[in-house]
Protein backbone atom coordinates (compact mmCIF):
# COMPACT_ATOMS: atom_id res chain seq x y z
CA MET A 1 0.07 0.00 -0.16
CA SER A 2 1.24 3.66 -1.00
CA THR A 3 2.20 5.79 1.40
CA SER A 4 2.49 8.66 -0.60
CA ARG A 5 1.00 11.35 0.47
CA HIS A 6 0.57 13.33 -2.93
CA ARG A 7 -3.13 13.00 -4.81
CA HIS A 8 -5.20 14.55 -7.25
CA ASP A 9 -8.07 16.41 -6.55
CA ASP A 10 -9.99 13.16 -7.56
CA GLY A 11 -8.27 11.34 -4.46
CA SER A 12 -5.90 9.36 -6.96
CA GLN A 13 -2.09 9.42 -6.29
CA TYR A 14 0.69 10.47 -7.81
CA GLU A 15 4.69 10.83 -7.37
CA PRO A 16 5.93 14.24 -7.33
CA HIS A 17 8.52 15.82 -10.14
CA TYR A 18 11.38 16.76 -8.69
CA PRO A 19 14.05 18.69 -11.32
CA SER A 20 17.40 17.97 -11.55
CA TYR A 21 20.25 20.69 -11.43
CA ASP A 22 23.75 20.31 -12.74
CA SER A 23 26.91 22.27 -11.48
CA TYR A 24 26.41 25.16 -13.48
CA GLY A 25 22.55 25.53 -11.89
CA TYR A 26 20.64 24.57 -14.82
CA GLY A 27 17.79 22.49 -14.35
CA TYR A 28 15.95 19.70 -16.13
CA GLY A 29 12.14 18.52 -16.33
CA SER A 30 13.35 14.99 -15.30
CA GLN A 31 16.38 12.91 -14.44
CA ASP A 32 16.25 11.27 -17.83
CA GLU A 33 15.88 14.86 -19.69
CA ALA A 34 19.22 15.85 -18.13
CA THR A 35 20.73 13.08 -19.72
CA LEU A 36 19.49 14.30 -23.44
CA TYR A 37 20.32 17.90 -23.12
CA GLU A 38 23.65 19.48 -22.04
CA PRO A 39 23.79 22.79 -20.76
CA TYR A 40 25.09 25.47 -23.04
CA ALA A 41 28.28 26.81 -22.24
CA SER A 42 29.94 29.50 -24.58
CA PRO A 43 32.53 28.37 -27.19
CA GLY A 44 34.94 30.92 -25.57
CA LEU A 45 34.70 29.41 -21.88
CA ARG A 46 35.49 25.89 -23.03
CA ARG A 47 38.52 26.68 -24.90
CA SER A 48 39.51 28.57 -22.13
CA ARG A 49 39.32 25.80 -19.88
CA ARG A 50 40.67 23.06 -22.14
CA HIS A 51 43.56 24.54 -24.25
CA PRO A 52 46.21 26.46 -22.47
CA LEU A 53 48.38 23.48 -22.48
CA ALA A 54 47.81 22.57 -25.77
CA VAL A 55 48.35 26.12 -27.18
CA ALA A 56 51.63 26.13 -25.17
CA THR A 57 53.08 22.43 -26.49
CA THR A 58 52.09 23.77 -30.03
CA ALA A 59 54.05 27.07 -29.75
CA LEU A 60 56.90 25.28 -28.22
CA VAL A 61 57.10 22.49 -30.99
CA ALA A 62 56.89 25.55 -33.96
CA LEU A 63 59.70 27.45 -32.46
CA ALA A 64 61.86 23.89 -31.95
CA VAL A 65 60.84 23.12 -35.78
CA LEU A 66 61.86 26.78 -36.56
CA SER A 67 65.18 27.07 -34.76
CA VAL A 68 66.19 23.75 -36.25
CA ALA A 69 65.12 25.04 -39.97
CA VAL A 70 67.21 27.85 -39.19
CA ASP A 71 69.88 26.06 -38.21
CA ARG A 72 70.05 23.93 -41.41
CA VAL A 73 69.77 26.90 -43.21
CA VAL A 74 73.10 28.21 -41.77
CA ALA A 75 74.89 24.73 -41.89
CA ALA A 76 73.63 24.56 -45.86
CA ARG A 77 74.96 28.15 -46.17
CA ILE A 78 78.55 27.44 -44.54
CA GLU A 79 78.79 23.67 -46.32
CA SER A 80 77.94 25.61 -50.05
CA ARG A 81 80.82 28.06 -49.38
CA THR A 82 83.08 25.91 -48.16
CA ALA A 83 82.70 23.45 -51.29
CA LYS A 84 82.67 25.98 -53.61
CA ALA A 85 86.45 27.17 -51.88
CA PHE A 86 87.80 23.70 -51.81
CA GLN A 87 86.82 23.45 -55.36
CA GLU A 88 88.44 26.47 -56.72
CA GLY A 89 91.60 26.21 -54.67
CA MET A 90 92.16 22.35 -55.76
CA ASP A 91 90.68 22.51 -59.33
CA THR A 92 88.63 19.74 -58.70
CA PRO A 93 85.81 19.32 -61.53
CA LEU A 94 83.26 19.09 -59.29
CA PRO A 95 82.59 20.71 -55.55
CA PRO A 96 83.60 18.53 -52.81
CA GLN A 97 80.64 17.25 -50.30
CA VAL A 98 80.78 19.06 -46.72
CA HIS A 99 78.94 18.23 -43.99
CA VAL A 100 79.06 20.42 -40.87
CA ARG A 101 78.51 17.99 -37.88
CA GLY A 102 77.04 18.94 -34.40
CA PHE A 103 74.02 21.09 -33.32
CA PRO A 104 73.57 24.11 -33.39
CA VAL A 105 75.66 25.11 -36.24
CA LEU A 106 74.32 28.87 -35.89
CA THR A 107 76.26 29.23 -32.73
CA GLN A 108 79.28 27.48 -33.89
CA ALA A 109 79.20 29.98 -36.59
CA ALA A 110 78.69 33.00 -34.05
CA SER A 111 81.76 31.91 -32.31
CA GLY A 112 83.97 31.54 -35.11
CA THR A 113 84.88 28.02 -34.64
CA LEU A 114 83.24 24.63 -36.18
CA ARG A 115 83.45 21.68 -33.80
CA HIS A 116 83.63 18.92 -36.88
CA VAL A 117 83.57 19.12 -40.20
CA ASP A 118 83.78 16.78 -42.64
CA ILE A 119 85.12 17.19 -46.44
CA THR A 120 85.16 14.86 -49.07
CA ALA A 121 86.67 15.54 -52.57
CA HIS A 122 87.36 13.74 -55.76
CA ASP A 123 89.56 14.24 -58.40
CA ILE A 124 92.20 16.16 -57.27
CA PRO A 125 94.88 16.91 -59.79
CA ALA A 126 98.77 17.14 -59.12
CA GLN A 127 100.10 19.87 -61.11
CA GLY A 128 103.46 21.16 -61.09
CA ALA A 129 105.28 17.59 -60.37
CA THR A 130 108.05 15.69 -61.68
CA ARG A 131 105.82 12.65 -61.49
CA PRO A 132 102.44 13.83 -60.69
CA LEU A 133 99.61 11.48 -58.87
CA PRO A 134 96.48 12.83 -58.58
CA VAL A 135 94.49 11.70 -55.76
CA SER A 136 91.06 10.12 -56.74
CA GLU A 137 89.43 10.72 -53.38
CA LEU A 138 90.44 12.79 -50.26
CA SER A 139 88.25 12.49 -46.98
CA LEU A 140 88.85 15.31 -44.44
CA ARG A 141 87.74 15.11 -40.91
CA LEU A 142 88.64 18.59 -39.02
CA GLN A 143 88.00 19.36 -35.47
CA GLY A 144 88.14 22.82 -34.46
CA LEU A 145 88.02 24.83 -37.74
CA THR A 146 88.54 28.76 -37.67
CA LYS A 147 89.50 31.23 -40.19
CA SER A 148 91.58 34.54 -39.73
CA GLU A 149 90.15 37.88 -39.61
CA ASP A 150 91.63 38.71 -43.20
CA ASP A 151 89.79 35.59 -44.44
CA SER A 152 93.47 34.49 -46.36
CA GLU A 153 93.44 31.44 -44.12
CA ALA A 154 91.83 28.30 -42.36
CA ARG A 155 92.95 26.36 -39.65
CA ALA A 156 91.94 22.89 -38.04
CA ASP A 157 92.99 22.16 -34.53
CA SER A 158 93.15 18.60 -35.85
CA ALA A 159 93.03 16.25 -38.65
CA GLU A 160 92.72 13.30 -40.02
CA ALA A 161 92.53 12.51 -43.80
CA THR A 162 92.79 9.46 -45.95
CA ALA A 163 93.61 9.78 -49.36
CA PHE A 164 92.46 6.90 -52.27
CA LEU A 165 95.16 6.67 -55.14
CA SER A 166 94.11 4.68 -58.01
CA TYR A 167 96.06 1.54 -59.60
CA THR A 168 95.71 3.47 -63.05
CA ASP A 169 96.68 6.64 -61.69
CA VAL A 170 99.76 4.75 -59.60
CA SER A 171 100.70 3.08 -63.13
CA ASN A 172 100.58 6.35 -65.18
CA THR A 173 103.05 7.99 -62.58
CA LEU A 174 105.87 5.13 -62.50
CA GLY A 175 105.27 3.95 -65.89
CA LEU A 176 104.61 0.42 -65.13
CA GLU A 177 101.48 -1.90 -64.93
CA ILE A 178 100.58 -2.03 -61.25
CA SER A 179 98.43 -3.66 -59.16
CA GLN A 180 97.85 -5.33 -55.93
CA GLY A 181 100.13 -7.87 -54.47
CA SER A 182 99.67 -11.21 -53.19
CA ARG A 183 100.69 -10.05 -49.88
CA PRO A 184 99.59 -6.92 -47.59
CA GLY A 185 101.25 -3.96 -48.13
CA GLN A 186 102.24 -5.10 -51.25
CA VAL A 187 101.79 -4.14 -55.20
CA SER A 188 103.06 -6.35 -58.18
CA ALA A 189 104.50 -4.53 -61.24
CA VAL A 190 104.36 -6.18 -64.82
CA VAL A 191 107.82 -5.20 -66.93
CA LEU A 192 108.04 -5.79 -70.29
CA VAL A 193 111.27 -7.58 -71.74
CA PRO A 194 112.65 -8.00 -75.03
CA LEU A 195 111.32 -10.63 -77.39
CA GLY A 196 107.84 -9.83 -76.31
CA LYS A 197 107.98 -10.97 -72.58
CA GLN A 198 106.48 -10.44 -69.33
CA VAL A 199 108.24 -10.31 -65.89
CA THR A 200 106.52 -9.76 -62.69
CA VAL A 201 107.81 -8.09 -59.75
CA THR A 202 106.51 -7.35 -56.28
CA THR A 203 107.67 -4.48 -53.92
CA THR A 204 106.57 -3.38 -50.53
CA VAL A 205 105.12 -0.06 -50.16
CA THR A 206 105.46 2.14 -47.18
CA ALA A 207 105.17 5.94 -45.87
CA ALA A 208 108.18 7.88 -46.28
CA SER A 209 108.71 11.43 -44.52
CA GLY A 210 107.63 14.64 -46.27
CA ASN A 211 104.51 12.60 -47.45
CA ARG A 212 106.22 10.47 -50.02
CA ILE A 213 105.36 7.13 -50.84
CA ALA A 214 108.25 4.78 -51.03
CA PHE A 215 108.79 1.36 -52.71
CA LYS A 216 111.49 -1.15 -51.55
CA ASP A 217 112.56 -4.86 -51.54
CA PHE A 218 111.38 -5.71 -55.05
CA ASP A 219 111.52 -9.64 -55.80
CA VAL A 220 110.78 -11.19 -59.20
CA THR A 221 108.17 -13.73 -59.10
CA ALA A 222 107.41 -14.37 -62.26
CA GLY A 223 109.69 -14.50 -65.51
CA ALA A 224 113.61 -13.70 -65.96
CA LEU A 225 114.41 -10.08 -65.58
CA PRO A 226 117.81 -9.37 -67.41
CA ALA A 227 120.77 -7.11 -65.36
CA PRO A 228 119.27 -3.99 -67.54
CA GLY A 229 115.93 -4.53 -66.66
CA SER A 230 117.02 -4.67 -62.99
CA ALA A 231 118.78 -1.64 -62.97
CA ALA A 232 115.89 -0.13 -64.61
CA LEU A 233 113.73 -0.83 -61.87
CA ASP A 234 116.13 0.31 -59.72
CA LYS A 235 115.89 3.74 -60.64
CA VAL A 236 112.11 3.41 -60.91
CA PHE A 237 111.51 2.37 -57.48
CA GLU A 238 114.58 4.15 -55.56
CA GLN A 239 112.75 7.68 -55.94
CA PRO A 240 109.52 8.13 -53.90
CA ILE A 241 106.97 9.80 -54.83
CA GLN A 242 106.02 12.79 -53.50
CA LEU A 243 102.18 13.92 -52.57
CA ARG A 244 101.72 17.26 -53.47
CA ASN A 245 97.94 18.23 -53.20
CA ILE A 246 97.72 17.60 -49.35
CA PRO A 247 96.85 20.21 -46.95
CA HIS A 248 99.84 21.53 -44.93
CA GLY A 249 99.86 20.22 -41.49
CA LEU A 250 98.85 16.81 -42.25
CA HIS A 251 101.34 13.97 -42.20
CA LEU A 252 101.21 10.54 -44.07
CA ARG A 253 101.30 8.24 -41.64
CA SER A 254 100.66 4.53 -43.40
CA VAL A 255 100.02 3.10 -46.80
CA THR A 256 97.71 -0.03 -47.30
CA THR A 257 97.20 -1.89 -50.47
CA THR A 258 93.52 -2.42 -51.61
CA THR A 259 92.21 -4.48 -54.74
CA ASP A 260 91.57 -0.89 -56.57
CA GLY A 261 94.40 1.37 -55.45
CA LEU A 262 96.56 2.82 -52.43
CA ILE A 263 95.07 4.43 -49.54
CA ALA A 264 97.14 7.03 -47.95
CA HIS A 265 96.54 7.89 -43.96
CA PHE A 266 97.22 11.40 -42.72
CA SER A 267 96.91 12.88 -39.51
CA GLY A 268 98.16 16.50 -37.89
CA HIS A 269 97.75 19.62 -35.99
CA SER A 270 97.27 22.84 -37.14
CA VAL A 271 96.13 21.95 -40.27
CA THR A 272 96.43 25.16 -42.69
CA PHE A 273 94.90 25.83 -45.75
CA ARG A 274 95.76 28.96 -47.53
CA ALA A 275 94.64 30.76 -50.78
CA ASP A 276 97.90 31.72 -52.04
CA ASP A 277 99.66 28.26 -51.31
CA ALA A 278 98.94 27.30 -55.07
CA SER A 279 101.04 29.59 -56.76
CA GLN A 280 104.00 29.17 -54.57
CA ASP A 281 104.13 25.36 -54.54
CA SER A 282 103.72 24.96 -58.01
CA ALA A 283 106.98 26.71 -59.01
CA GLY A 284 108.47 24.65 -55.97
CA GLY A 285 110.85 21.92 -55.24
CA SER A 286 110.35 18.40 -54.88
CA ASP A 287 110.00 18.89 -51.38
CA ALA A 288 107.49 21.34 -51.48
CA VAL A 289 104.02 19.66 -50.60
CA VAL A 290 101.00 21.35 -52.49
CA ARG A 291 98.58 23.11 -50.33
CA ARG A 292 95.97 23.95 -53.05
CA VAL A 293 92.91 24.90 -50.61
CA SER A 294 90.92 28.26 -50.97
CA THR A 295 89.81 30.20 -48.02
CA LEU A 296 87.06 28.51 -46.00
CA ARG A 297 84.56 31.19 -45.08
CA LEU A 298 82.66 30.29 -41.91
CA GLY A 299 79.68 31.81 -41.10
CA ARG A 300 79.11 34.72 -43.89
């Protein structure tokens, strides 16, 4: 039996209606209707309550992207200028590949010192030499690269480099057909003797002072070499080959043999690149080291 005291005039009972209210004070006709309708709130009020963190995050991301883009533009400009300077100084047919490492580059350029710079140049000629030996590929890894105030030179605190010398170029320099030897550090040479015969000899390749490649201890491995031929080989191999297209301050440390050519390994400190070294060294003697690298321009 219902205990409700709510009755209509005719005596029938009814349940009273209590409107529902939300936290904003909006009322609804019933609890069910409250699920069908949402209170009206201005769009500005909603955005101000929900989006401050998202807006701040978006702004920070945009700022970071812009910083990276600006830094990349500065790096690309430095790389392009450096590549052009090296191409002009070394007379390479194409500009070298230049990569400025480290982030941000903008602050490095502003300080006047680039922490790490990698340069790879191809087909570097060797002009003005008695026995010119071109460098097929020169890879430089420079640390602490700075330039002088008058833009006349650039200097790296330290550097390492490898130079690839193809057997084709080595053969043209020596006047013999050179290929990889049977043992590490050795090359083979084919010598033509009278009656159309060939003699094969091997010799050890070593690094000599003054950035020179020396040959020593040649042995005949196939055929018979007459005395005049042996004397001629002595003259060919007794004079080391001077590498004349290596930046000043780099010193030859070792030479290794590969299937396609020789790899010369260099390292040094206070490696200097000067724009005026080309004219001086092209007329120099056999002990001159060609430093035909033009001025590097940093951050301009």
